[in-house]
PDB file of all heavy atoms in Angstrom:
ATOM      1  N   GLY A   1     279.576  20.428 141.892  1.00  0.00           N
ATOM      2  CA  GLY A   1     279.367  19.311 141.040  1.00  0.00           C
ATOM      3  C   GLY A   1     278.418  19.634 139.972  1.00  0.00           C
ATOM      4  O   GLY A   1     278.139  20.786 139.757  1.00  0.00           O
ATOM      5  N   SER A   2     277.894  18.602 139.233  1.00  0.00           N
ATOM      6  CA  SER A   2     276.965  18.834 138.066  1.00  0.00           C
ATOM      7  C   SER A   2     275.559  18.677 138.665  1.00  0.00           C
ATOM      8  O   SER A   2     275.230  17.772 139.444  1.00  0.00           O
ATOM      9  CB  SER A   2     277.199  17.776 137.057  1.00  0.00           C
ATOM     10  OG  SER A   2     278.493  17.934 136.495  1.00  0.00           O
ATOM     11  N   TYR A   3     274.717  19.632 138.184  1.00  0.00           N
ATOM     12  CA  TYR A   3     273.307  19.543 138.695  1.00  0.00           C
ATOM     13  C   TYR A   3     272.342  20.147 137.662  1.00  0.00           C
ATOM     14  O   TYR A   3     272.710  20.922 136.840  1.00  0.00           O
ATOM     15  CB  TYR A   3     273.120  20.380 139.990  1.00  0.00           C
ATOM     16  CG  TYR A   3     273.234  21.898 139.897  1.00  0.00           C
ATOM     17  CD1 TYR A   3     272.100  22.637 139.703  1.00  0.00           C
ATOM     18  CD2 TYR A   3     274.418  22.444 140.072  1.00  0.00           C
ATOM     19  CE1 TYR A   3     272.197  24.048 139.673  1.00  0.00           C
ATOM     20  CE2 TYR A   3     274.537  23.808 140.064  1.00  0.00           C
ATOM     21  CZ  TYR A   3     273.470  24.700 139.837  1.00  0.00           C
ATOM     22  OH  TYR A   3     273.568  26.018 139.709  1.00  0.00           O
ATOM     23  N   ALA A   4     271.172  19.541 137.637  1.00  0.00           N
ATOM     24  CA  ALA A   4     270.106  20.052 136.866  1.00  0.00           C
ATOM     25  C   ALA A   4     269.151  20.916 137.725  1.00  0.00           C
ATOM     26  O   ALA A   4     269.088  20.567 138.932  1.00  0.00           O
ATOM     27  CB  ALA A   4     269.295  18.897 136.167  1.00  0.00           C
ATOM     28  N   LEU A   5     268.381  21.795 137.158  1.00  0.00           N
ATOM     29  CA  LEU A   5     267.674  22.758 137.962  1.00  0.00           C
ATOM     30  C   LEU A   5     266.242  22.909 137.541  1.00  0.00           C
ATOM     31  O   LEU A   5     265.915  23.056 136.329  1.00  0.00           O
ATOM     32  CB  LEU A   5     268.329  24.146 137.783  1.00  0.00           C
ATOM     33  CG  LEU A   5     267.691  25.408 138.536  1.00  0.00           C
ATOM     34  CD1 LEU A   5     267.630  25.270 140.028  1.00  0.00           C
ATOM     35  CD2 LEU A   5     268.297  26.638 138.088  1.00  0.00           C
ATOM     36  N   PHE A   6     265.263  22.828 138.499  1.00  0.00           N
ATOM     37  CA  PHE A   6     263.934  23.238 138.308  1.00  0.00           C
ATOM     38  C   PHE A   6     263.798  24.477 139.147  1.00  0.00           C
ATOM     39  O   PHE A   6     263.997  24.465 140.448  1.00  0.00           O
ATOM     40  CB  PHE A   6     262.978  22.161 138.752  1.00  0.00           C
ATOM     41  CG  PHE A   6     261.482  22.605 138.777  1.00  0.00           C
ATOM     42  CD1 PHE A   6     260.681  22.530 137.717  1.00  0.00           C
ATOM     43  CD2 PHE A   6     261.033  23.282 139.914  1.00  0.00           C
ATOM     44  CE1 PHE A   6     259.397  22.968 137.734  1.00  0.00           C
ATOM     45  CE2 PHE A   6     259.778  23.785 139.969  1.00  0.00           C
ATOM     46  CZ  PHE A   6     258.918  23.636 138.888  1.00  0.00           C
ATOM     47  N   LEU A   7     263.436  25.636 138.630  1.00  0.00           N
ATOM     48  CA  LEU A   7     263.214  26.868 139.277  1.00  0.00           C
ATOM     49  C   LEU A   7     261.971  27.487 138.900  1.00  0.00           C
ATOM     50  O   LEU A   7     261.852  28.065 137.805  1.00  0.00           O
ATOM     51  CB  LEU A   7     264.412  27.758 139.136  1.00  0.00           C
ATOM     52  CG  LEU A   7     264.560  29.021 140.018  1.00  0.00           C
ATOM     53  CD1 LEU A   7     265.999  29.413 140.153  1.00  0.00           C
ATOM     54  CD2 LEU A   7     263.673  30.147 139.641  1.00  0.00           C
ATOM     55  N   SER A   8     260.951  27.373 139.774  1.00  0.00           N
ATOM     56  CA  SER A   8     259.609  27.979 139.523  1.00  0.00           C
ATOM     57  C   SER A   8     258.749  27.739 140.625  1.00  0.00           C
ATOM     58  O   SER A   8     259.158  27.164 141.638  1.00  0.00           O
ATOM     59  CB  SER A   8     259.024  27.303 138.205  1.00  0.00           C
ATOM     60  OG  SER A   8     257.750  27.956 137.863  1.00  0.00           O
ATOM     61  N   ARG A   9     257.466  28.237 140.635  1.00  0.00           N
ATOM     62  CA  ARG A   9     256.538  27.838 141.653  1.00  0.00           C
ATOM     63  C   ARG A   9     256.285  26.371 141.547  1.00  0.00           C
ATOM     64  O   ARG A   9     256.091  25.787 140.498  1.00  0.00           O
ATOM     65  CB  ARG A   9     255.177  28.652 141.389  1.00  0.00           C
ATOM     66  CG  ARG A   9     254.184  28.363 142.498  1.00  0.00           C
ATOM     67  CD  ARG A   9     253.020  29.459 142.302  1.00  0.00           C
ATOM     68  NE  ARG A   9     252.442  29.407 140.993  1.00  0.00           N
ATOM     69  CZ  ARG A   9     251.206  28.825 140.738  1.00  0.00           C
ATOM     70  NH1 ARG A   9     250.558  28.385 141.725  1.00  0.00           N
ATOM     71  NH2 ARG A   9     250.801  28.884 139.390  1.00  0.00           N
ATOM     72  N   VAL A  10     256.489  25.688 142.685  1.00  0.00           N
ATOM     73  CA  VAL A  10     256.346  24.169 142.711  1.00  0.00           C
ATOM     74  C   VAL A  10     254.809  23.858 142.786  1.00  0.00           C
ATOM     75  O   VAL A  10     254.289  23.748 143.996  1.00  0.00           O
ATOM     76  CB  VAL A  10     257.163  23.583 143.820  1.00  0.00           C
ATOM     77  CG1 VAL A  10     256.996  22.074 143.843  1.00  0.00           C
ATOM     78  CG2 VAL A  10     258.518  24.039 143.702  1.00  0.00           C
ATOM     79  N   HIS A  11     254.234  23.650 141.698  1.00  0.00           N
ATOM     80  CA  HIS A  11     252.760  23.424 141.625  1.00  0.00           C
ATOM     81  C   HIS A  11     252.420  22.098 140.841  1.00  0.00           C
ATOM     82  O   HIS A  11     253.343  21.779 139.914  1.00  0.00           O
ATOM     83  CB  HIS A  11     252.175  24.658 140.890  1.00  0.00           C
ATOM     84  CG  HIS A  11     250.597  24.610 140.796  1.00  0.00           C
ATOM     85  ND1 HIS A  11     250.026  23.942 139.768  1.00  0.00           N
ATOM     86  CD2 HIS A  11     249.684  25.213 141.583  1.00  0.00           C
ATOM     87  CE1 HIS A  11     248.676  24.138 140.009  1.00  0.00           C
ATOM     88  NE2 HIS A  11     248.465  24.874 141.004  1.00  0.00           N
ATOM     89  N   PRO A  12     251.409  21.387 141.105  1.00  0.00           N
ATOM     90  CA  PRO A  12     251.151  20.199 140.288  1.00  0.00           C
ATOM     91  C   PRO A  12     251.224  20.300 138.823  1.00  0.00           C
ATOM     92  O   PRO A  12     251.668  19.408 138.130  1.00  0.00           O
ATOM     93  CB  PRO A  12     249.784  19.812 140.861  1.00  0.00           C
ATOM     94  CG  PRO A  12     249.685  20.319 142.304  1.00  0.00           C
ATOM     95  CD  PRO A  12     250.461  21.616 142.231  1.00  0.00           C
ATOM     96  N   LYS A  13     250.779  21.462 138.334  1.00  0.00           N
ATOM     97  CA  LYS A  13     250.821  21.637 136.875  1.00  0.00           C
ATOM     98  C   LYS A  13     252.181  21.604 136.274  1.00  0.00           C
ATOM     99  O   LYS A  13     252.465  21.438 135.085  1.00  0.00           O
ATOM    100  CB  LYS A  13     249.992  22.821 136.395  1.00  0.00           C
ATOM    101  CG  LYS A  13     250.763  24.156 136.343  1.00  0.00           C
ATOM    102  CD  LYS A  13     250.014  25.134 135.473  1.00  0.00           C
ATOM    103  CE  LYS A  13     250.889  26.437 135.286  1.00  0.00           C
ATOM    104  NZ  LYS A  13     250.245  27.338 134.404  1.00  0.00           N
ATOM    105  N   LYS A  14     253.175  21.905 137.106  1.00  0.00           N
ATOM    106  CA  LYS A  14     254.602  21.984 136.697  1.00  0.00           C
ATOM    107  C   LYS A  14     255.183  20.526 136.647  1.00  0.00           C
ATOM    108  O   LYS A  14     256.294  20.387 136.156  1.00  0.00           O
ATOM    109  CB  LYS A  14     255.406  22.877 137.625  1.00  0.00           C
ATOM    110  CG  LYS A  14     254.822  24.202 137.961  1.00  0.00           C
ATOM    111  CD  LYS A  14     255.086  25.192 136.836  1.00  0.00           C
ATOM    112  CE  LYS A  14     254.655  26.592 137.250  1.00  0.00           C
ATOM    113  NZ  LYS A  14     255.007  27.638 136.252  1.00  0.00           N
ATOM    114  N   ASN A  15     254.429  19.611 137.146  1.00  0.00           N
ATOM    115  CA  ASN A  15     254.867  18.234 137.079  1.00  0.00           C
ATOM    116  C   ASN A  15     256.230  17.848 137.695  1.00  0.00           C
ATOM    117  O   ASN A  15     257.006  17.094 137.196  1.00  0.00           O
ATOM    118  CB  ASN A  15     254.893  17.655 135.623  1.00  0.00           C
ATOM    119  CG  ASN A  15     253.456  17.589 135.062  1.00  0.00           C
ATOM    120  OD1 ASN A  15     252.609  17.108 135.699  1.00  0.00           O
ATOM    121  ND2 ASN A  15     253.330  17.915 133.747  1.00  0.00           N
ATOM    122  N   VAL A  16     256.449  18.490 138.897  1.00  0.00           N
ATOM    123  CA  VAL A  16     257.614  18.095 139.584  1.00  0.00           C
ATOM    124  C   VAL A  16     257.652  16.681 140.023  1.00  0.00           C
ATOM    125  O   VAL A  16     258.717  16.022 140.061  1.00  0.00           O
ATOM    126  CB  VAL A  16     257.771  19.073 140.768  1.00  0.00           C
ATOM    127  CG1 VAL A  16     259.154  18.742 141.584  1.00  0.00           C
ATOM    128  CG2 VAL A  16     257.885  20.482 140.325  1.00  0.00           C
ATOM    129  N   ASP A  17     256.461  16.090 140.276  1.00  0.00           N
ATOM    130  CA  ASP A  17     256.371  14.752 140.707  1.00  0.00           C
ATOM    131  C   ASP A  17     256.782  13.826 139.470  1.00  0.00           C
ATOM    132  O   ASP A  17     257.432  12.773 139.662  1.00  0.00           O
ATOM    133  CB  ASP A  17     254.955  14.369 141.107  1.00  0.00           C
ATOM    134  CG  ASP A  17     253.866  14.861 140.121  1.00  0.00           C
ATOM    135  OD1 ASP A  17     254.044  15.825 139.440  1.00  0.00           O
ATOM    136  OD2 ASP A  17     252.769  14.227 140.125  1.00  0.00           O
ATOM    137  N   LEU A  18     256.465  14.169 138.208  1.00  0.00           N
ATOM    138  CA  LEU A  18     256.907  13.471 137.108  1.00  0.00           C
ATOM    139  C   LEU A  18     258.398  13.516 136.923  1.00  0.00           C
ATOM    140  O   LEU A  18     259.063  12.490 136.638  1.00  0.00           O
ATOM    141  CB  LEU A  18     256.240  14.004 135.803  1.00  0.00           C
ATOM    142  CG  LEU A  18     256.569  13.410 134.434  1.00  0.00           C
ATOM    143  CD1 LEU A  18     255.430  13.552 133.537  1.00  0.00           C
ATOM    144  CD2 LEU A  18     257.796  14.069 133.780  1.00  0.00           C
ATOM    145  N   LEU A  19     258.986  14.772 137.183  1.00  0.00           N
ATOM    146  CA  LEU A  19     260.420  14.855 137.173  1.00  0.00           C
ATOM    147  C   LEU A  19     261.141  14.017 138.218  1.00  0.00           C
ATOM    148  O   LEU A  19     262.122  13.419 137.856  1.00  0.00           O
ATOM    149  CB  LEU A  19     260.735  16.378 137.299  1.00  0.00           C
ATOM    150  CG  LEU A  19     262.306  16.781 137.223  1.00  0.00           C
ATOM    151  CD1 LEU A  19     262.864  16.328 135.883  1.00  0.00           C
ATOM    152  CD2 LEU A  19     262.419  18.253 137.435  1.00  0.00           C
ATOM    153  N   LEU A  20     260.601  14.016 139.389  1.00  0.00           N
ATOM    154  CA  LEU A  20     261.138  13.156 140.410  1.00  0.00           C
ATOM    155  C   LEU A  20     261.081  11.633 140.116  1.00  0.00           C
ATOM    156  O   LEU A  20     261.983  10.912 140.418  1.00  0.00           O
ATOM    157  CB  LEU A  20     260.509  13.519 141.741  1.00  0.00           C
ATOM    158  CG  LEU A  20     260.870  14.836 142.373  1.00  0.00           C
ATOM    159  CD1 LEU A  20     260.133  14.998 143.776  1.00  0.00           C
ATOM    160  CD2 LEU A  20     262.323  14.989 142.563  1.00  0.00           C
ATOM    161  N   THR A  21     259.965  11.230 139.486  1.00  0.00           N
ATOM    162  CA  THR A  21     259.819   9.862 139.115  1.00  0.00           C
ATOM    163  C   THR A  21     260.874   9.530 138.104  1.00  0.00           C
ATOM    164  O   THR A  21     261.537   8.432 138.143  1.00  0.00           O
ATOM    165  CB  THR A  21     258.422   9.669 138.599  1.00  0.00           C
ATOM    166  OG1 THR A  21     257.394   9.911 139.584  1.00  0.00           O
ATOM    167  CG2 THR A  21     258.241   8.203 138.059  1.00  0.00           C
ATOM    168  N   ALA A  22     261.000  10.349 137.073  1.00  0.00           N
ATOM    169  CA  ALA A  22     262.054  10.135 136.041  1.00  0.00           C
ATOM    170  C   ALA A  22     263.464  10.062 136.676  1.00  0.00           C
ATOM    171  O   ALA A  22     264.237   9.204 136.349  1.00  0.00           O
ATOM    172  CB  ALA A  22     261.963  11.189 134.978  1.00  0.00           C
ATOM    173  N   TRP A  23     263.745  11.032 137.574  1.00  0.00           N
ATOM    174  CA  TRP A  23     265.038  11.115 138.251  1.00  0.00           C
ATOM    175  C   TRP A  23     265.249   9.792 139.095  1.00  0.00           C
ATOM    176  O   TRP A  23     266.368   9.269 139.110  1.00  0.00           O
ATOM    177  CB  TRP A  23     265.081  12.317 139.070  1.00  0.00           C
ATOM    178  CG  TRP A  23     266.475  12.696 139.594  1.00  0.00           C
ATOM    179  CD1 TRP A  23     266.994  12.412 140.794  1.00  0.00           C
ATOM    180  CD2 TRP A  23     267.449  13.412 138.851  1.00  0.00           C
ATOM    181  NE1 TRP A  23     268.327  12.851 140.966  1.00  0.00           N
ATOM    182  CE2 TRP A  23     268.519  13.506 139.679  1.00  0.00           C
ATOM    183  CE3 TRP A  23     267.543  13.904 137.535  1.00  0.00           C
ATOM    184  CZ2 TRP A  23     269.734  14.174 139.341  1.00  0.00           C
ATOM    185  CZ3 TRP A  23     268.796  14.647 137.228  1.00  0.00           C
ATOM    186  CH2 TRP A  23     269.831  14.691 138.028  1.00  0.00           C
ATOM    187  N   GLY A  24     264.215   9.443 139.720  1.00  0.00           N
ATOM    188  CA  GLY A  24     264.398   8.317 140.648  1.00  0.00           C
ATOM    189  C   GLY A  24     264.543   7.010 140.108  1.00  0.00           C
ATOM    190  O   GLY A  24     265.144   6.060 140.481  1.00  0.00           O
ATOM    191  N   THR A  25     263.868   6.801 138.829  1.00  0.00           N
ATOM    192  CA  THR A  25     263.927   5.558 138.097  1.00  0.00           C
ATOM    193  C   THR A  25     265.124   5.440 137.050  1.00  0.00           C
ATOM    194  O   THR A  25     265.328   4.327 136.553  1.00  0.00           O
ATOM    195  CB  THR A  25     262.626   5.268 137.371  1.00  0.00           C
ATOM    196  OG1 THR A  25     262.356   6.306 136.509  1.00  0.00           O
ATOM    197  CG2 THR A  25     261.494   5.120 138.411  1.00  0.00           C
ATOM    198  N   ALA A  26     265.693   6.584 136.764  1.00  0.00           N
ATOM    199  CA  ALA A  26     266.729   6.551 135.787  1.00  0.00           C
ATOM    200  C   ALA A  26     268.119   6.161 136.343  1.00  0.00           C
ATOM    201  O   ALA A  26     268.394   6.239 137.517  1.00  0.00           O
ATOM    202  CB  ALA A  26     266.894   7.952 135.135  1.00  0.00           C
ATOM    203  N   LYS A  27     268.950   5.578 135.378  1.00  0.00           N
ATOM    204  CA  LYS A  27     270.303   5.322 135.793  1.00  0.00           C
ATOM    205  C   LYS A  27     271.097   6.669 135.548  1.00  0.00           C
ATOM    206  O   LYS A  27     271.566   6.954 134.482  1.00  0.00           O
ATOM    207  CB  LYS A  27     270.931   4.135 134.834  1.00  0.00           C
ATOM    208  CG  LYS A  27     270.195   2.895 135.067  1.00  0.00           C
ATOM    209  CD  LYS A  27     270.737   1.812 134.053  1.00  0.00           C
ATOM    210  CE  LYS A  27     270.035   0.419 134.355  1.00  0.00           C
ATOM    211  NZ  LYS A  27     270.574  -0.586 133.319  1.00  0.00           N
ATOM    212  N   ARG A  28     271.144   7.375 136.544  1.00  0.00           N
ATOM    213  CA  ARG A  28     271.683   8.742 136.556  1.00  0.00           C
ATOM    214  C   ARG A  28     273.163   8.759 136.401  1.00  0.00           C
ATOM    215  O   ARG A  28     273.851   7.892 136.959  1.00  0.00           O
ATOM    216  CB  ARG A  28     271.316   9.533 137.802  1.00  0.00           C
ATOM    217  CG  ARG A  28     269.863   9.608 137.997  1.00  0.00           C
ATOM    218  CD  ARG A  28     269.474  10.647 139.094  1.00  0.00           C
ATOM    219  NE  ARG A  28     270.055  10.167 140.359  1.00  0.00           N
ATOM    220  CZ  ARG A  28     269.540   9.238 141.183  1.00  0.00           C
ATOM    221  NH1 ARG A  28     268.312   8.732 140.829  1.00  0.00           N
ATOM    222  NH2 ARG A  28     270.087   8.847 142.273  1.00  0.00           N
ATOM    223  N   PRO A  29     273.697   9.718 135.683  1.00  0.00           N
ATOM    224  CA  PRO A  29     275.241   9.937 135.631  1.00  0.00           C
ATOM    225  C   PRO A  29     275.764  10.083 137.004  1.00  0.00           C
ATOM    226  O   PRO A  29     275.181  10.745 137.852  1.00  0.00           O
ATOM    227  CB  PRO A  29     275.373  11.103 134.807  1.00  0.00           C
ATOM    228  CG  PRO A  29     274.171  11.311 133.981  1.00  0.00           C
ATOM    229  CD  PRO A  29     273.003  10.732 134.817  1.00  0.00           C
ATOM    230  N   ALA A  30     276.885   9.472 137.300  1.00  0.00           N
ATOM    231  CA  ALA A  30     277.504   9.565 138.562  1.00  0.00           C
ATOM    232  C   ALA A  30     277.739  11.020 139.058  1.00  0.00           C
ATOM    233  O   ALA A  30     278.190  11.796 138.319  1.00  0.00           O
ATOM    234  CB  ALA A  30     278.839   8.755 138.680  1.00  0.00           C
ATOM    235  N   GLY A  31     277.316  11.245 140.374  1.00  0.00           N
ATOM    236  CA  GLY A  31     277.556  12.541 140.908  1.00  0.00           C
ATOM    237  C   GLY A  31     276.573  13.647 140.620  1.00  0.00           C
ATOM    238  O   GLY A  31     276.713  14.710 141.249  1.00  0.00           O
ATOM    239  N   TRP A  32     275.673  13.431 139.730  1.00  0.00           N
ATOM    240  CA  TRP A  32     274.726  14.542 139.308  1.00  0.00           C
ATOM    241  C   TRP A  32     273.618  14.618 140.428  1.00  0.00           C
ATOM    242  O   TRP A  32     273.222  13.707 141.075  1.00  0.00           O
ATOM    243  CB  TRP A  32     274.039  14.186 138.021  1.00  0.00           C
ATOM    244  CG  TRP A  32     274.833  14.584 136.840  1.00  0.00           C
ATOM    245  CD1 TRP A  32     275.988  14.023 136.375  1.00  0.00           C
ATOM    246  CD2 TRP A  32     274.478  15.565 135.842  1.00  0.00           C
ATOM    247  NE1 TRP A  32     276.362  14.692 135.238  1.00  0.00           N
ATOM    248  CE2 TRP A  32     275.459  15.582 134.920  1.00  0.00           C
ATOM    249  CE3 TRP A  32     273.369  16.438 135.769  1.00  0.00           C
ATOM    250  CZ2 TRP A  32     275.448  16.529 133.812  1.00  0.00           C
ATOM    251  CZ3 TRP A  32     273.311  17.360 134.631  1.00  0.00           C
ATOM    252  CH2 TRP A  32     274.366  17.363 133.792  1.00  0.00           C
ATOM    253  N   LYS A  33     273.148  15.972 140.634  1.00  0.00           N
ATOM    254  CA  LYS A  33     272.166  16.221 141.544  1.00  0.00           C
ATOM    255  C   LYS A  33     270.996  17.100 140.835  1.00  0.00           C
ATOM    256  O   LYS A  33     271.260  17.577 139.803  1.00  0.00           O
ATOM    257  CB  LYS A  33     272.687  16.984 142.734  1.00  0.00           C
ATOM    258  CG  LYS A  33     273.612  16.218 143.666  1.00  0.00           C
ATOM    259  CD  LYS A  33     273.864  16.908 144.912  1.00  0.00           C
ATOM    260  CE  LYS A  33     274.649  15.968 145.825  1.00  0.00           C
ATOM    261  NZ  LYS A  33     274.950  16.628 147.147  1.00  0.00           N
ATOM    262  N   LEU A  34     269.885  16.973 141.477  1.00  0.00           N
ATOM    263  CA  LEU A  34     268.737  17.780 140.909  1.00  0.00           C
ATOM    264  C   LEU A  34     268.330  18.701 142.080  1.00  0.00           C
ATOM    265  O   LEU A  34     268.197  18.396 143.220  1.00  0.00           O
ATOM    266  CB  LEU A  34     267.524  16.787 140.651  1.00  0.00           C
ATOM    267  CG  LEU A  34     266.206  17.474 140.255  1.00  0.00           C
ATOM    268  CD1 LEU A  34     266.366  18.222 139.043  1.00  0.00           C
ATOM    269  CD2 LEU A  34     265.098  16.439 140.120  1.00  0.00           C
ATOM    270  N   CYS A  35     268.204  20.072 141.666  1.00  0.00           N
ATOM    271  CA  CYS A  35     267.817  21.125 142.577  1.00  0.00           C
ATOM    272  C   CYS A  35     266.412  21.540 142.284  1.00  0.00           C
ATOM    273  O   CYS A  35     266.126  21.873 141.050  1.00  0.00           O
ATOM    274  CB  CYS A  35     268.764  22.279 142.500  1.00  0.00           C
ATOM    275  SG  CYS A  35     268.356  23.713 143.518  1.00  0.00           S
ATOM    276  N   ILE A  36     265.474  21.551 143.187  1.00  0.00           N
ATOM    277  CA  ILE A  36     264.150  21.940 143.042  1.00  0.00           C
ATOM    278  C   ILE A  36     264.024  23.269 143.934  1.00  0.00           C
ATOM    279  O   ILE A  36     264.118  23.257 145.117  1.00  0.00           O
ATOM    280  CB  ILE A  36     263.091  20.893 143.629  1.00  0.00           C
ATOM    281  CG1 ILE A  36     263.294  19.558 142.889  1.00  0.00           C
ATOM    282  CG2 ILE A  36     261.676  21.432 143.326  1.00  0.00           C
ATOM    283  CD1 ILE A  36     263.061  19.560 141.472  1.00  0.00           C
ATOM    284  N   ALA A  37     263.861  24.337 143.159  1.00  0.00           N
ATOM    285  CA  ALA A  37     263.759  25.687 143.857  1.00  0.00           C
ATOM    286  C   ALA A  37     262.451  26.370 143.627  1.00  0.00           C
ATOM    287  O   ALA A  37     262.147  26.687 142.371  1.00  0.00           O
ATOM    288  CB  ALA A  37     264.936  26.581 143.398  1.00  0.00           C
ATOM    289  N   GLY A  38     261.680  26.735 144.616  1.00  0.00           N
ATOM    290  CA  GLY A  38     260.513  27.518 144.493  1.00  0.00           C
ATOM    291  C   GLY A  38     259.570  27.169 145.592  1.00  0.00           C
ATOM    292  O   GLY A  38     259.641  26.174 146.325  1.00  0.00           O
ATOM    293  N   PRO A  39     258.630  28.142 145.894  1.00  0.00           N
ATOM    294  CA  PRO A  39     257.609  27.931 146.945  1.00  0.00           C
ATOM    295  C   PRO A  39     256.685  26.774 146.591  1.00  0.00           C
ATOM    296  O   PRO A  39     256.308  26.471 145.479  1.00  0.00           O
ATOM    297  CB  PRO A  39     256.927  29.319 146.951  1.00  0.00           C
ATOM    298  CG  PRO A  39     257.038  29.804 145.611  1.00  0.00           C
ATOM    299  CD  PRO A  39     258.410  29.317 145.126  1.00  0.00           C
ATOM    300  N   VAL A  40     256.231  26.127 147.610  1.00  0.00           N
ATOM    301  CA  VAL A  40     255.360  24.922 147.482  1.00  0.00           C
ATOM    302  C   VAL A  40     254.373  24.759 148.644  1.00  0.00           C
ATOM    303  O   VAL A  40     254.737  25.171 149.774  1.00  0.00           O
ATOM    304  CB  VAL A  40     256.162  23.606 147.357  1.00  0.00           C
ATOM    305  CG1 VAL A  40     257.050  23.442 148.579  1.00  0.00           C
ATOM    306  CG2 VAL A  40     255.297  22.441 147.112  1.00  0.00           C
ATOM    307  N   ASP A  41     253.133  24.388 148.406  1.00  0.00           N
ATOM    308  CA  ASP A  41     252.276  24.181 149.524  1.00  0.00           C
ATOM    309  C   ASP A  41     252.524  22.853 150.185  1.00  0.00           C
ATOM    310  O   ASP A  41     253.139  21.938 149.551  1.00  0.00           O
ATOM    311  CB  ASP A  41     250.795  24.338 149.118  1.00  0.00           C
ATOM    312  CG  ASP A  41     250.352  23.266 148.141  1.00  0.00           C
ATOM    313  OD1 ASP A  41     250.685  22.041 148.370  1.00  0.00           O
ATOM    314  OD2 ASP A  41     249.640  23.617 147.224  1.00  0.00           O
ATOM    315  N   ASP A  42     252.067  22.696 151.386  1.00  0.00           N
ATOM    316  CA  ASP A  42     252.383  21.483 152.246  1.00  0.00           C
ATOM    317  C   ASP A  42     251.842  20.196 151.620  1.00  0.00           C
ATOM    318  O   ASP A  42     252.580  19.203 151.679  1.00  0.00           O
ATOM    319  CB  ASP A  42     251.819  21.690 153.660  1.00  0.00           C
ATOM    320  CG  ASP A  42     252.584  22.847 154.401  1.00  0.00           C
ATOM    321  OD1 ASP A  42     253.665  23.177 154.090  1.00  0.00           O
ATOM    322  OD2 ASP A  42     251.938  23.344 155.465  1.00  0.00           O
ATOM    323  N   GLU A  43     250.644  20.215 151.112  1.00  0.00           N
ATOM    324  CA  GLU A  43     250.073  18.996 150.526  1.00  0.00           C
ATOM    325  C   GLU A  43     250.983  18.423 149.437  1.00  0.00           C
ATOM    326  O   GLU A  43     251.293  17.282 149.343  1.00  0.00           O
ATOM    327  CB  GLU A  43     248.684  19.276 150.045  1.00  0.00           C
ATOM    328  CG  GLU A  43     248.023  18.012 149.513  1.00  0.00           C
ATOM    329  CD  GLU A  43     246.589  18.238 149.082  1.00  0.00           C
ATOM    330  OE1 GLU A  43     246.047  19.512 149.322  1.00  0.00           O
ATOM    331  OE2 GLU A  43     245.936  17.385 148.493  1.00  0.00           O
ATOM    332  N   TYR A  44     251.315  19.336 148.504  1.00  0.00           N
ATOM    333  CA  TYR A  44     252.110  18.831 147.305  1.00  0.00           C
ATOM    334  C   TYR A  44     253.543  18.479 147.739  1.00  0.00           C
ATOM    335  O   TYR A  44     254.203  17.573 147.247  1.00  0.00           O
ATOM    336  CB  TYR A  44     252.195  19.975 146.236  1.00  0.00           C
ATOM    337  CG  TYR A  44     252.713  19.485 144.906  1.00  0.00           C
ATOM    338  CD1 TYR A  44     252.226  18.221 144.290  1.00  0.00           C
ATOM    339  CD2 TYR A  44     253.697  20.203 144.185  1.00  0.00           C
ATOM    340  CE1 TYR A  44     252.723  17.842 143.097  1.00  0.00           C
ATOM    341  CE2 TYR A  44     254.138  19.798 142.957  1.00  0.00           C
ATOM    342  CZ  TYR A  44     253.705  18.583 142.492  1.00  0.00           C
ATOM    343  OH  TYR A  44     254.222  18.087 141.202  1.00  0.00           O
ATOM    344  N   LYS A  45     254.062  19.302 148.716  1.00  0.00           N
ATOM    345  CA  LYS A  45     255.455  18.960 149.174  1.00  0.00           C
ATOM    346  C   LYS A  45     255.472  17.589 149.847  1.00  0.00           C
ATOM    347  O   LYS A  45     256.443  16.820 149.580  1.00  0.00           O
ATOM    348  CB  LYS A  45     255.870  20.094 150.250  1.00  0.00           C
ATOM    349  CG  LYS A  45     257.277  19.810 150.787  1.00  0.00           C
ATOM    350  CD  LYS A  45     257.638  20.919 151.614  1.00  0.00           C
ATOM    351  CE  LYS A  45     259.136  20.785 152.126  1.00  0.00           C
ATOM    352  NZ  LYS A  45     259.558  21.876 153.042  1.00  0.00           N
ATOM    353  N   ASP A  46     254.444  17.209 150.629  1.00  0.00           N
ATOM    354  CA  ASP A  46     254.311  15.884 151.164  1.00  0.00           C
ATOM    355  C   ASP A  46     254.347  14.835 150.062  1.00  0.00           C
ATOM    356  O   ASP A  46     255.001  13.726 150.187  1.00  0.00           O
ATOM    357  CB  ASP A  46     253.143  15.720 152.032  1.00  0.00           C
ATOM    358  CG  ASP A  46     253.252  16.506 153.401  1.00  0.00           C
ATOM    359  OD1 ASP A  46     254.311  16.853 153.741  1.00  0.00           O
ATOM    360  OD2 ASP A  46     252.184  16.759 153.985  1.00  0.00           O
ATOM    361  N   ARG A  47     253.658  15.091 148.949  1.00  0.00           N
ATOM    362  CA  ARG A  47     253.590  14.193 147.884  1.00  0.00           C
ATOM    363  C   ARG A  47     254.949  13.943 147.207  1.00  0.00           C
ATOM    364  O   ARG A  47     255.379  12.880 146.956  1.00  0.00           O
ATOM    365  CB  ARG A  47     252.555  14.636 146.855  1.00  0.00           C
ATOM    366  CG  ARG A  47     252.404  13.793 145.606  1.00  0.00           C
ATOM    367  CD  ARG A  47     251.314  14.346 144.776  1.00  0.00           C
ATOM    368  NE  ARG A  47     251.302  13.949 143.410  1.00  0.00           N
ATOM    369  CZ  ARG A  47     250.570  14.488 142.434  1.00  0.00           C
ATOM    370  NH1 ARG A  47     249.792  15.496 142.706  1.00  0.00           N
ATOM    371  NH2 ARG A  47     250.570  13.964 141.164  1.00  0.00           N
TER     372      ARG A  47
END
């Protein structure tokens, strides 16, 4: 299917939380997915 990709170290300065907020509140096109790829520490992953 169709997907958008974040691929980097998953660190707070990369603003993955901002991206997830935008993804979660948007009226997303049908069938689209978001892939988050990269190492992350437990604290930020829980967030």
